Amino acid sequence: MSAARVSDESRGQTAPGTAGPAASPSAQVRAAAVRALELEFGELFTHVRRLFAENADRLSPGMLPGAYKVFTTIARRGEITLSALAETLHSDKGQISRTVRELEELRLVQRTPDPADGRSSLLSATPDGMRRLDAVRAPRENSLITALESWHVDDIRELTRLLHALSASETPE
């Protein structure tokens, strides 16, 4: 244990971001709330991964969830370069390139020349890819609408606002 850590502990303090036994009650309450949120996110992520796997398989039997994520990102962005796509997904450009080729073979994605840079291409979903994606998403969208049916619309908007702030590493206003 470092001398600084021993010195902090002897004064009843812990390292920043921790809520050890000597932490103030408010720090302990905050840490417990964050742990509970982390557990709920774990459950939510498990659910989302399962939905991605099911949607991927409905879009194209045998499609991996990662390829589905690449495709839905392209569809959401409208047009995007391969480099920007890899950056957006925090993924290796080579892996994204291989996945895009697979999506092109499935006729879900197309490349067009980038008018701003002749050396680059823009990726976009094909009309058939968008039609197939809409068909795959429809049952799940109805499930979410049903799940949130008893929620007040302001609560849905507030949850959306807070999730956006969290994903953007911003403090909610």
N, C-alpha and C. Protein backbone atom coordinates (compact mmCIF):
# COMPACT_ATOMS: atom_id res chain seq x y z
N MET A 1 0.86 -1.17 0.00
CA MET A 1 0.00 0.00 0.00
C MET A 1 0.90 1.23 0.00
N SER A 2 0.53 2.23 -0.80
CA SER A 2 1.36 3.41 -0.92
C SER A 2 1.25 4.27 0.33
N ALA A 3 2.28 5.11 0.54
CA ALA A 3 2.28 6.02 1.69
C ALA A 3 1.12 6.99 1.60
N ALA A 4 0.81 7.47 0.39
CA ALA A 4 -0.30 8.41 0.22
C ALA A 4 -1.61 7.73 0.61
N ARG A 5 -1.79 6.47 0.23
CA ARG A 5 -3.02 5.74 0.55
C ARG A 5 -3.12 5.55 2.06
N VAL A 6 -2.01 5.17 2.72
CA VAL A 6 -2.03 4.99 4.17
C VAL A 6 -2.36 6.31 4.84
N SER A 7 -1.76 7.39 4.37
CA SER A 7 -2.01 8.70 4.94
C SER A 7 -3.48 9.09 4.78
N ASP A 8 -4.06 8.86 3.58
CA ASP A 8 -5.46 9.17 3.35
C ASP A 8 -6.35 8.33 4.26
N GLU A 9 -6.04 7.04 4.38
CA GLU A 9 -6.87 6.17 5.20
C GLU A 9 -6.78 6.57 6.67
N SER A 10 -5.63 7.01 7.12
CA SER A 10 -5.49 7.39 8.52
C SER A 10 -6.31 8.64 8.83
N ARG A 11 -6.63 9.42 7.80
CA ARG A 11 -7.48 10.61 8.00
C ARG A 11 -8.94 10.28 7.72
N GLY A 12 -9.25 8.99 7.45
CA GLY A 12 -10.63 8.61 7.18
C GLY A 12 -11.06 8.91 5.77
N GLN A 13 -10.12 9.03 4.82
CA GLN A 13 -10.46 9.32 3.44
C GLN A 13 -10.06 8.14 2.56
N THR A 14 -10.71 8.04 1.43
CA THR A 14 -10.37 7.01 0.46
C THR A 14 -10.04 7.68 -0.86
N ALA A 15 -9.54 6.89 -1.76
CA ALA A 15 -9.17 7.42 -3.07
C ALA A 15 -10.40 7.99 -3.76
N PRO A 16 -10.18 8.98 -4.62
CA PRO A 16 -11.31 9.57 -5.36
C PRO A 16 -12.10 8.51 -6.10
N GLY A 17 -13.42 8.64 -6.08
CA GLY A 17 -14.29 7.71 -6.79
C GLY A 17 -14.60 6.44 -6.02
N THR A 18 -14.08 6.29 -4.81
CA THR A 18 -14.38 5.11 -4.03
C THR A 18 -15.21 5.51 -2.83
N ALA A 19 -15.94 4.55 -2.31
CA ALA A 19 -16.77 4.81 -1.13
C ALA A 19 -16.46 3.74 -0.11
N GLY A 20 -15.30 3.81 0.48
CA GLY A 20 -14.87 2.85 1.47
C GLY A 20 -15.60 3.05 2.78
N PRO A 21 -15.23 2.28 3.81
CA PRO A 21 -15.93 2.33 5.08
C PRO A 21 -15.89 3.71 5.73
N ALA A 22 -14.88 4.51 5.45
CA ALA A 22 -14.78 5.82 6.08
C ALA A 22 -15.44 6.92 5.23
N ALA A 23 -16.04 6.55 4.11
CA ALA A 23 -16.67 7.55 3.24
C ALA A 23 -17.89 8.14 3.92
N SER A 24 -18.21 9.35 3.54
CA SER A 24 -19.37 10.02 4.12
C SER A 24 -20.64 9.26 3.75
N PRO A 25 -21.68 9.42 4.55
CA PRO A 25 -22.95 8.73 4.22
C PRO A 25 -23.45 9.08 2.82
N SER A 26 -23.30 10.33 2.40
CA SER A 26 -23.78 10.69 1.06
C SER A 26 -22.95 9.99 -0.02
N ALA A 27 -21.65 9.82 0.21
CA ALA A 27 -20.81 9.11 -0.76
C ALA A 27 -21.20 7.63 -0.81
N GLN A 28 -21.54 7.06 0.33
CA GLN A 28 -21.96 5.66 0.37
C GLN A 28 -23.30 5.48 -0.34
N VAL A 29 -24.21 6.42 -0.13
CA VAL A 29 -25.51 6.36 -0.80
C VAL A 29 -25.33 6.48 -2.31
N ARG A 30 -24.46 7.41 -2.74
CA ARG A 30 -24.19 7.58 -4.17
C ARG A 30 -23.58 6.31 -4.75
N ALA A 31 -22.61 5.74 -4.05
CA ALA A 31 -21.96 4.51 -4.54
C ALA A 31 -22.96 3.37 -4.66
N ALA A 32 -23.85 3.24 -3.68
CA ALA A 32 -24.87 2.19 -3.74
C ALA A 32 -25.82 2.43 -4.92
N ALA A 33 -26.19 3.68 -5.15
CA ALA A 33 -27.07 4.00 -6.28
C ALA A 33 -26.39 3.68 -7.61
N VAL A 34 -25.10 4.00 -7.71
CA VAL A 34 -24.36 3.72 -8.94
C VAL A 34 -24.23 2.21 -9.14
N ARG A 35 -23.98 1.45 -8.07
CA ARG A 35 -23.91 -0.02 -8.19
C ARG A 35 -25.25 -0.58 -8.65
N ALA A 36 -26.35 -0.07 -8.10
CA ALA A 36 -27.68 -0.55 -8.51
C ALA A 36 -27.92 -0.22 -9.99
N LEU A 37 -27.52 0.97 -10.41
CA LEU A 37 -27.66 1.36 -11.82
C LEU A 37 -26.83 0.44 -12.71
N GLU A 38 -25.61 0.14 -12.27
CA GLU A 38 -24.74 -0.75 -13.03
C GLU A 38 -25.39 -2.13 -13.20
N LEU A 39 -26.00 -2.64 -12.15
CA LEU A 39 -26.68 -3.93 -12.24
C LEU A 39 -27.85 -3.88 -13.23
N GLU A 40 -28.62 -2.79 -13.19
CA GLU A 40 -29.74 -2.65 -14.13
C GLU A 40 -29.24 -2.53 -15.56
N PHE A 41 -28.14 -1.82 -15.76
CA PHE A 41 -27.56 -1.73 -17.10
C PHE A 41 -27.11 -3.11 -17.56
N GLY A 42 -26.54 -3.90 -16.66
CA GLY A 42 -26.14 -5.26 -17.02
C GLY A 42 -27.32 -6.07 -17.53
N GLU A 43 -28.44 -5.98 -16.82
CA GLU A 43 -29.66 -6.67 -17.25
C GLU A 43 -30.14 -6.14 -18.60
N LEU A 44 -30.14 -4.82 -18.75
CA LEU A 44 -30.57 -4.21 -20.00
C LEU A 44 -29.67 -4.63 -21.16
N PHE A 45 -28.35 -4.62 -20.95
CA PHE A 45 -27.42 -5.00 -22.01
C PHE A 45 -27.62 -6.46 -22.42
N THR A 46 -27.88 -7.32 -21.45
CA THR A 46 -28.15 -8.73 -21.77
C THR A 46 -29.38 -8.83 -22.65
N HIS A 47 -30.41 -8.08 -22.30
CA HIS A 47 -31.65 -8.07 -23.09
C HIS A 47 -31.38 -7.53 -24.50
N VAL A 48 -30.64 -6.44 -24.60
CA VAL A 48 -30.34 -5.83 -25.90
C VAL A 48 -29.49 -6.78 -26.76
N ARG A 49 -28.50 -7.44 -26.15
CA ARG A 49 -27.69 -8.40 -26.92
C ARG A 49 -28.56 -9.51 -27.49
N ARG A 50 -29.52 -10.00 -26.68
CA ARG A 50 -30.42 -11.05 -27.16
C ARG A 50 -31.28 -10.53 -28.32
N LEU A 51 -31.80 -9.30 -28.19
CA LEU A 51 -32.60 -8.71 -29.26
C LEU A 51 -31.78 -8.54 -30.53
N PHE A 52 -30.53 -8.08 -30.39
CA PHE A 52 -29.66 -7.92 -31.56
C PHE A 52 -29.45 -9.27 -32.25
N ALA A 53 -29.20 -10.31 -31.46
CA ALA A 53 -28.98 -11.64 -32.04
C ALA A 53 -30.22 -12.13 -32.77
N GLU A 54 -31.39 -11.92 -32.16
CA GLU A 54 -32.64 -12.35 -32.80
C GLU A 54 -32.90 -11.54 -34.07
N ASN A 55 -32.72 -10.22 -33.99
CA ASN A 55 -32.94 -9.37 -35.17
C ASN A 55 -31.97 -9.71 -36.28
N ALA A 56 -30.70 -9.94 -35.92
CA ALA A 56 -29.69 -10.29 -36.93
C ALA A 56 -30.10 -11.56 -37.66
N ASP A 57 -30.54 -12.56 -36.91
CA ASP A 57 -30.92 -13.83 -37.53
C ASP A 57 -32.17 -13.68 -38.39
N ARG A 58 -33.09 -12.81 -38.00
CA ARG A 58 -34.29 -12.57 -38.82
C ARG A 58 -33.94 -11.78 -40.09
N LEU A 59 -32.97 -10.88 -39.99
CA LEU A 59 -32.55 -10.10 -41.15
C LEU A 59 -31.88 -10.99 -42.18
N SER A 60 -31.00 -11.85 -41.71
CA SER A 60 -30.31 -12.80 -42.58
C SER A 60 -29.89 -13.99 -41.72
N PRO A 61 -30.51 -15.15 -41.90
CA PRO A 61 -30.17 -16.30 -41.05
C PRO A 61 -28.66 -16.54 -40.98
N GLY A 62 -28.17 -16.64 -39.75
CA GLY A 62 -26.74 -16.85 -39.53
C GLY A 62 -25.95 -15.56 -39.32
N MET A 63 -26.59 -14.39 -39.55
CA MET A 63 -25.87 -13.12 -39.36
C MET A 63 -25.50 -12.98 -37.89
N LEU A 64 -24.28 -12.53 -37.66
CA LEU A 64 -23.81 -12.30 -36.29
C LEU A 64 -24.31 -10.94 -35.79
N PRO A 65 -24.53 -10.81 -34.48
CA PRO A 65 -25.00 -9.55 -33.92
C PRO A 65 -24.10 -8.36 -34.24
N GLY A 66 -22.79 -8.58 -34.33
CA GLY A 66 -21.88 -7.49 -34.66
C GLY A 66 -22.13 -6.94 -36.06
N ALA A 67 -22.44 -7.81 -37.00
CA ALA A 67 -22.75 -7.37 -38.37
C ALA A 67 -24.07 -6.61 -38.38
N TYR A 68 -25.00 -7.05 -37.56
CA TYR A 68 -26.28 -6.33 -37.45
C TYR A 68 -26.05 -4.92 -36.91
N LYS A 69 -25.17 -4.79 -35.92
CA LYS A 69 -24.85 -3.48 -35.36
C LYS A 69 -24.21 -2.59 -36.42
N VAL A 70 -23.29 -3.13 -37.20
CA VAL A 70 -22.67 -2.36 -38.28
C VAL A 70 -23.74 -1.89 -39.26
N PHE A 71 -24.63 -2.82 -39.66
CA PHE A 71 -25.68 -2.46 -40.61
C PHE A 71 -26.62 -1.40 -40.06
N THR A 72 -27.06 -1.56 -38.81
CA THR A 72 -28.00 -0.57 -38.26
C THR A 72 -27.35 0.79 -38.08
N THR A 73 -26.05 0.80 -37.83
CA THR A 73 -25.34 2.08 -37.73
C THR A 73 -25.29 2.77 -39.09
N ILE A 74 -25.01 2.01 -40.13
CA ILE A 74 -25.02 2.57 -41.49
C ILE A 74 -26.42 3.08 -41.82
N ALA A 75 -27.43 2.29 -41.52
CA ALA A 75 -28.81 2.68 -41.81
C ALA A 75 -29.19 3.96 -41.06
N ARG A 76 -28.79 4.06 -39.81
CA ARG A 76 -29.13 5.24 -39.00
C ARG A 76 -28.41 6.48 -39.51
N ARG A 77 -27.16 6.34 -39.94
CA ARG A 77 -26.37 7.48 -40.39
C ARG A 77 -26.73 7.95 -41.80
N GLY A 78 -27.38 7.11 -42.58
CA GLY A 78 -27.70 7.49 -43.96
C GLY A 78 -26.54 7.21 -44.88
N GLU A 79 -25.49 7.99 -44.77
CA GLU A 79 -24.24 7.78 -45.51
C GLU A 79 -23.09 7.99 -44.54
N ILE A 80 -22.09 7.12 -44.67
CA ILE A 80 -20.94 7.21 -43.77
C ILE A 80 -19.74 6.56 -44.45
N THR A 81 -18.56 7.09 -44.22
CA THR A 81 -17.35 6.47 -44.76
C THR A 81 -16.96 5.30 -43.88
N LEU A 82 -16.15 4.41 -44.42
CA LEU A 82 -15.67 3.27 -43.67
C LEU A 82 -14.89 3.72 -42.43
N SER A 83 -14.03 4.72 -42.61
CA SER A 83 -13.23 5.21 -41.49
C SER A 83 -14.12 5.78 -40.38
N ALA A 84 -15.12 6.57 -40.77
CA ALA A 84 -16.02 7.16 -39.77
C ALA A 84 -16.85 6.07 -39.09
N LEU A 85 -17.22 5.04 -39.83
CA LEU A 85 -17.97 3.93 -39.26
C LEU A 85 -17.13 3.20 -38.22
N ALA A 86 -15.87 2.90 -38.56
CA ALA A 86 -14.99 2.23 -37.61
C ALA A 86 -14.79 3.08 -36.35
N GLU A 87 -14.63 4.37 -36.54
CA GLU A 87 -14.46 5.28 -35.40
C GLU A 87 -15.73 5.31 -34.55
N THR A 88 -16.88 5.41 -35.19
CA THR A 88 -18.15 5.45 -34.47
C THR A 88 -18.35 4.20 -33.62
N LEU A 89 -17.97 3.05 -34.17
CA LEU A 89 -18.16 1.78 -33.47
C LEU A 89 -16.96 1.39 -32.59
N HIS A 90 -15.94 2.24 -32.55
CA HIS A 90 -14.73 1.97 -31.77
C HIS A 90 -14.19 0.58 -32.12
N SER A 91 -14.09 0.35 -33.42
CA SER A 91 -13.66 -0.97 -33.90
C SER A 91 -12.53 -0.85 -34.89
N ASP A 92 -11.86 -1.97 -35.12
CA ASP A 92 -10.77 -2.07 -36.07
C ASP A 92 -11.29 -1.87 -37.49
N LYS A 93 -10.65 -1.00 -38.24
CA LYS A 93 -11.08 -0.69 -39.60
C LYS A 93 -11.09 -1.93 -40.49
N GLY A 94 -10.12 -2.81 -40.32
CA GLY A 94 -10.07 -4.04 -41.11
C GLY A 94 -11.27 -4.94 -40.85
N GLN A 95 -11.64 -5.09 -39.58
CA GLN A 95 -12.80 -5.91 -39.23
C GLN A 95 -14.08 -5.29 -39.78
N ILE A 96 -14.20 -3.98 -39.66
CA ILE A 96 -15.39 -3.30 -40.18
C ILE A 96 -15.46 -3.46 -41.70
N SER A 97 -14.31 -3.37 -42.37
CA SER A 97 -14.26 -3.53 -43.82
C SER A 97 -14.76 -4.93 -44.23
N ARG A 98 -14.31 -5.96 -43.52
CA ARG A 98 -14.75 -7.33 -43.83
C ARG A 98 -16.26 -7.46 -43.62
N THR A 99 -16.75 -6.87 -42.54
CA THR A 99 -18.19 -6.95 -42.24
C THR A 99 -19.00 -6.22 -43.31
N VAL A 100 -18.52 -5.06 -43.74
CA VAL A 100 -19.21 -4.31 -44.79
C VAL A 100 -19.26 -5.12 -46.08
N ARG A 101 -18.17 -5.80 -46.41
CA ARG A 101 -18.17 -6.65 -47.62
C ARG A 101 -19.26 -7.72 -47.52
N GLU A 102 -19.39 -8.32 -46.33
CA GLU A 102 -20.44 -9.33 -46.13
C GLU A 102 -21.83 -8.71 -46.32
N LEU A 103 -22.01 -7.50 -45.78
CA LEU A 103 -23.29 -6.81 -45.92
C LEU A 103 -23.57 -6.45 -47.38
N GLU A 104 -22.52 -6.12 -48.13
CA GLU A 104 -22.68 -5.85 -49.57
C GLU A 104 -23.10 -7.12 -50.30
N GLU A 105 -22.49 -8.27 -49.94
CA GLU A 105 -22.84 -9.54 -50.58
C GLU A 105 -24.30 -9.90 -50.32
N LEU A 106 -24.81 -9.49 -49.15
CA LEU A 106 -26.21 -9.73 -48.81
C LEU A 106 -27.15 -8.68 -49.41
N ARG A 107 -26.55 -7.72 -50.13
CA ARG A 107 -27.29 -6.62 -50.78
C ARG A 107 -28.04 -5.74 -49.76
N LEU A 108 -27.42 -5.61 -48.59
CA LEU A 108 -27.98 -4.74 -47.55
C LEU A 108 -27.33 -3.36 -47.59
N VAL A 109 -26.09 -3.32 -48.08
CA VAL A 109 -25.29 -2.09 -48.08
C VAL A 109 -24.73 -1.87 -49.48
N GLN A 110 -24.58 -0.60 -49.84
CA GLN A 110 -23.96 -0.25 -51.12
C GLN A 110 -22.90 0.83 -50.89
N ARG A 111 -21.95 0.91 -51.83
CA ARG A 111 -20.92 1.95 -51.82
C ARG A 111 -21.17 2.89 -52.99
N THR A 112 -20.98 4.18 -52.72
CA THR A 112 -21.02 5.18 -53.79
C THR A 112 -19.81 6.08 -53.62
N PRO A 113 -19.30 6.66 -54.70
CA PRO A 113 -18.14 7.54 -54.57
C PRO A 113 -18.48 8.73 -53.66
N ASP A 114 -17.51 9.11 -52.84
CA ASP A 114 -17.66 10.28 -51.96
C ASP A 114 -17.35 11.52 -52.79
N PRO A 115 -18.33 12.40 -53.02
CA PRO A 115 -18.07 13.59 -53.84
C PRO A 115 -17.05 14.54 -53.20
N ALA A 116 -16.89 14.45 -51.89
CA ALA A 116 -15.94 15.32 -51.20
C ALA A 116 -14.51 14.78 -51.27
N ASP A 117 -14.37 13.47 -51.54
CA ASP A 117 -13.04 12.84 -51.57
C ASP A 117 -13.11 11.66 -52.53
N GLY A 118 -12.59 11.84 -53.72
CA GLY A 118 -12.64 10.82 -54.76
C GLY A 118 -11.98 9.51 -54.38
N ARG A 119 -11.11 9.53 -53.38
CA ARG A 119 -10.43 8.30 -52.96
C ARG A 119 -11.29 7.47 -52.02
N SER A 120 -12.39 8.03 -51.54
CA SER A 120 -13.20 7.40 -50.51
C SER A 120 -14.59 7.05 -51.06
N SER A 121 -15.25 6.15 -50.36
CA SER A 121 -16.62 5.78 -50.71
C SER A 121 -17.54 6.07 -49.54
N LEU A 122 -18.80 6.30 -49.87
CA LEU A 122 -19.82 6.45 -48.85
C LEU A 122 -20.62 5.15 -48.79
N LEU A 123 -20.85 4.68 -47.59
CA LEU A 123 -21.65 3.48 -47.37
C LEU A 123 -23.06 3.91 -47.04
N SER A 124 -24.03 3.19 -47.58
CA SER A 124 -25.43 3.46 -47.24
C SER A 124 -26.20 2.15 -47.35
N ALA A 125 -27.33 2.11 -46.67
CA ALA A 125 -28.20 0.94 -46.76
C ALA A 125 -28.90 0.98 -48.11
N THR A 126 -29.10 -0.19 -48.69
CA THR A 126 -29.86 -0.28 -49.94
C THR A 126 -31.34 -0.13 -49.62
N PRO A 127 -32.15 0.22 -50.61
CA PRO A 127 -33.60 0.26 -50.37
C PRO A 127 -34.14 -1.08 -49.85
N ASP A 128 -33.65 -2.18 -50.42
CA ASP A 128 -34.08 -3.50 -49.94
C ASP A 128 -33.60 -3.73 -48.51
N GLY A 129 -32.39 -3.29 -48.20
CA GLY A 129 -31.87 -3.43 -46.83
C GLY A 129 -32.74 -2.67 -45.84
N MET A 130 -33.17 -1.46 -46.20
CA MET A 130 -34.02 -0.67 -45.31
C MET A 130 -35.39 -1.33 -45.15
N ARG A 131 -35.93 -1.86 -46.24
CA ARG A 131 -37.22 -2.55 -46.16
C ARG A 131 -37.13 -3.75 -45.23
N ARG A 132 -36.06 -4.54 -45.40
CA ARG A 132 -35.87 -5.72 -44.55
C ARG A 132 -35.65 -5.33 -43.09
N LEU A 133 -34.89 -4.26 -42.86
CA LEU A 133 -34.65 -3.79 -41.49
C LEU A 133 -35.96 -3.33 -40.85
N ASP A 134 -36.76 -2.59 -41.59
CA ASP A 134 -38.06 -2.14 -41.05
C ASP A 134 -38.93 -3.33 -40.66
N ALA A 135 -38.92 -4.37 -41.50
CA ALA A 135 -39.72 -5.57 -41.21
C ALA A 135 -39.21 -6.29 -39.96
N VAL A 136 -37.89 -6.32 -39.79
CA VAL A 136 -37.29 -6.97 -38.62
C VAL A 136 -37.59 -6.19 -37.35
N ARG A 137 -37.54 -4.88 -37.43
CA ARG A 137 -37.71 -4.03 -36.25
C ARG A 137 -39.17 -3.89 -35.81
N ALA A 138 -40.09 -4.02 -36.73
CA ALA A 138 -41.51 -3.73 -36.43
C ALA A 138 -42.03 -4.46 -35.18
N PRO A 139 -41.83 -5.77 -35.04
CA PRO A 139 -42.37 -6.43 -33.85
C PRO A 139 -41.76 -5.91 -32.54
N ARG A 140 -40.47 -5.59 -32.56
CA ARG A 140 -39.81 -5.10 -31.35
C ARG A 140 -40.25 -3.68 -31.01
N GLU A 141 -40.44 -2.87 -32.03
CA GLU A 141 -40.90 -1.50 -31.78
C GLU A 141 -42.27 -1.53 -31.13
N ASN A 142 -43.12 -2.44 -31.59
CA ASN A 142 -44.43 -2.57 -30.97
C ASN A 142 -44.30 -3.06 -29.53
N SER A 143 -43.33 -3.94 -29.27
CA SER A 143 -43.10 -4.42 -27.90
C SER A 143 -42.70 -3.28 -26.99
N LEU A 144 -41.82 -2.39 -27.46
CA LEU A 144 -41.39 -1.25 -26.65
C LEU A 144 -42.55 -0.29 -26.42
N ILE A 145 -43.33 -0.05 -27.44
CA ILE A 145 -44.50 0.82 -27.28
C ILE A 145 -45.44 0.21 -26.25
N THR A 146 -45.65 -1.09 -26.31
CA THR A 146 -46.52 -1.76 -25.34
C THR A 146 -45.93 -1.68 -23.93
N ALA A 147 -44.63 -1.90 -23.80
CA ALA A 147 -43.98 -1.85 -22.49
C ALA A 147 -44.06 -0.46 -21.87
N LEU A 148 -44.04 0.57 -22.70
CA LEU A 148 -44.07 1.94 -22.20
C LEU A 148 -45.47 2.56 -22.25
N GLU A 149 -46.46 1.76 -22.55
CA GLU A 149 -47.82 2.26 -22.73
C GLU A 149 -48.35 3.00 -21.50
N SER A 150 -48.01 2.51 -20.32
CA SER A 150 -48.52 3.14 -19.10
C SER A 150 -47.64 4.29 -18.61
N TRP A 151 -46.51 4.53 -19.29
CA TRP A 151 -45.61 5.62 -18.91
C TRP A 151 -46.16 6.94 -19.45
N HIS A 152 -45.98 7.96 -18.70
CA HIS A 152 -46.31 9.30 -19.17
C HIS A 152 -45.26 9.70 -20.21
N VAL A 153 -45.67 10.36 -21.28
CA VAL A 153 -44.75 10.73 -22.36
C VAL A 153 -43.60 11.59 -21.83
N ASP A 154 -43.83 12.41 -20.84
CA ASP A 154 -42.75 13.23 -20.26
C ASP A 154 -41.69 12.35 -19.59
N ASP A 155 -42.11 11.22 -19.00
CA ASP A 155 -41.15 10.30 -18.39
C ASP A 155 -40.29 9.62 -19.45
N ILE A 156 -40.90 9.29 -20.57
CA ILE A 156 -40.14 8.69 -21.68
C ILE A 156 -39.12 9.70 -22.20
N ARG A 157 -39.54 10.92 -22.37
CA ARG A 157 -38.61 11.97 -22.83
C ARG A 157 -37.50 12.21 -21.82
N GLU A 158 -37.82 12.19 -20.53
CA GLU A 158 -36.82 12.40 -19.48
C GLU A 158 -35.80 11.26 -19.48
N LEU A 159 -36.27 10.02 -19.60
CA LEU A 159 -35.36 8.88 -19.67
C LEU A 159 -34.45 9.02 -20.88
N THR A 160 -35.00 9.39 -22.01
CA THR A 160 -34.21 9.60 -23.23
C THR A 160 -33.16 10.67 -23.01
N ARG A 161 -33.54 11.76 -22.39
CA ARG A 161 -32.61 12.87 -22.14
C ARG A 161 -31.48 12.43 -21.21
N LEU A 162 -31.82 11.70 -20.15
CA LEU A 162 -30.79 11.26 -19.20
C LEU A 162 -29.86 10.22 -19.82
N LEU A 163 -30.41 9.30 -20.59
CA LEU A 163 -29.56 8.31 -21.26
C LEU A 163 -28.62 8.96 -22.26
N HIS A 164 -29.12 9.97 -22.96
CA HIS A 164 -28.26 10.70 -23.90
C HIS A 164 -27.11 11.38 -23.15
N ALA A 165 -27.44 12.05 -22.05
CA ALA A 165 -26.40 12.73 -21.26
C ALA A 165 -25.36 11.72 -20.76
N LEU A 166 -25.82 10.57 -20.30
CA LEU A 166 -24.90 9.56 -19.79
C LEU A 166 -24.00 9.02 -20.93
N SER A 167 -24.61 8.72 -22.08
CA SER A 167 -23.82 8.17 -23.18
C SER A 167 -22.85 9.19 -23.78
N ALA A 168 -23.18 10.48 -23.64
CA ALA A 168 -22.30 11.54 -24.14
C ALA A 168 -21.34 12.04 -23.06
N SER A 169 -21.35 11.42 -21.89
CA SER A 169 -20.51 11.84 -20.75
C SER A 169 -20.73 13.30 -20.39
N GLU A 170 -22.00 13.68 -20.40
CA GLU A 170 -22.38 15.06 -20.05
C GLU A 170 -23.16 15.04 -18.75
N THR A 171 -23.16 16.17 -18.07
CA THR A 171 -23.99 16.32 -16.88
C THR A 171 -25.37 16.75 -17.35
N PRO A 172 -26.42 16.05 -16.91
CA PRO A 172 -27.76 16.46 -17.36
C PRO A 172 -28.10 17.85 -16.84
N GLU A 173 -28.82 18.58 -17.67
CA GLU A 173 -29.21 19.93 -17.29
C GLU A 173 -30.41 19.89 -16.38
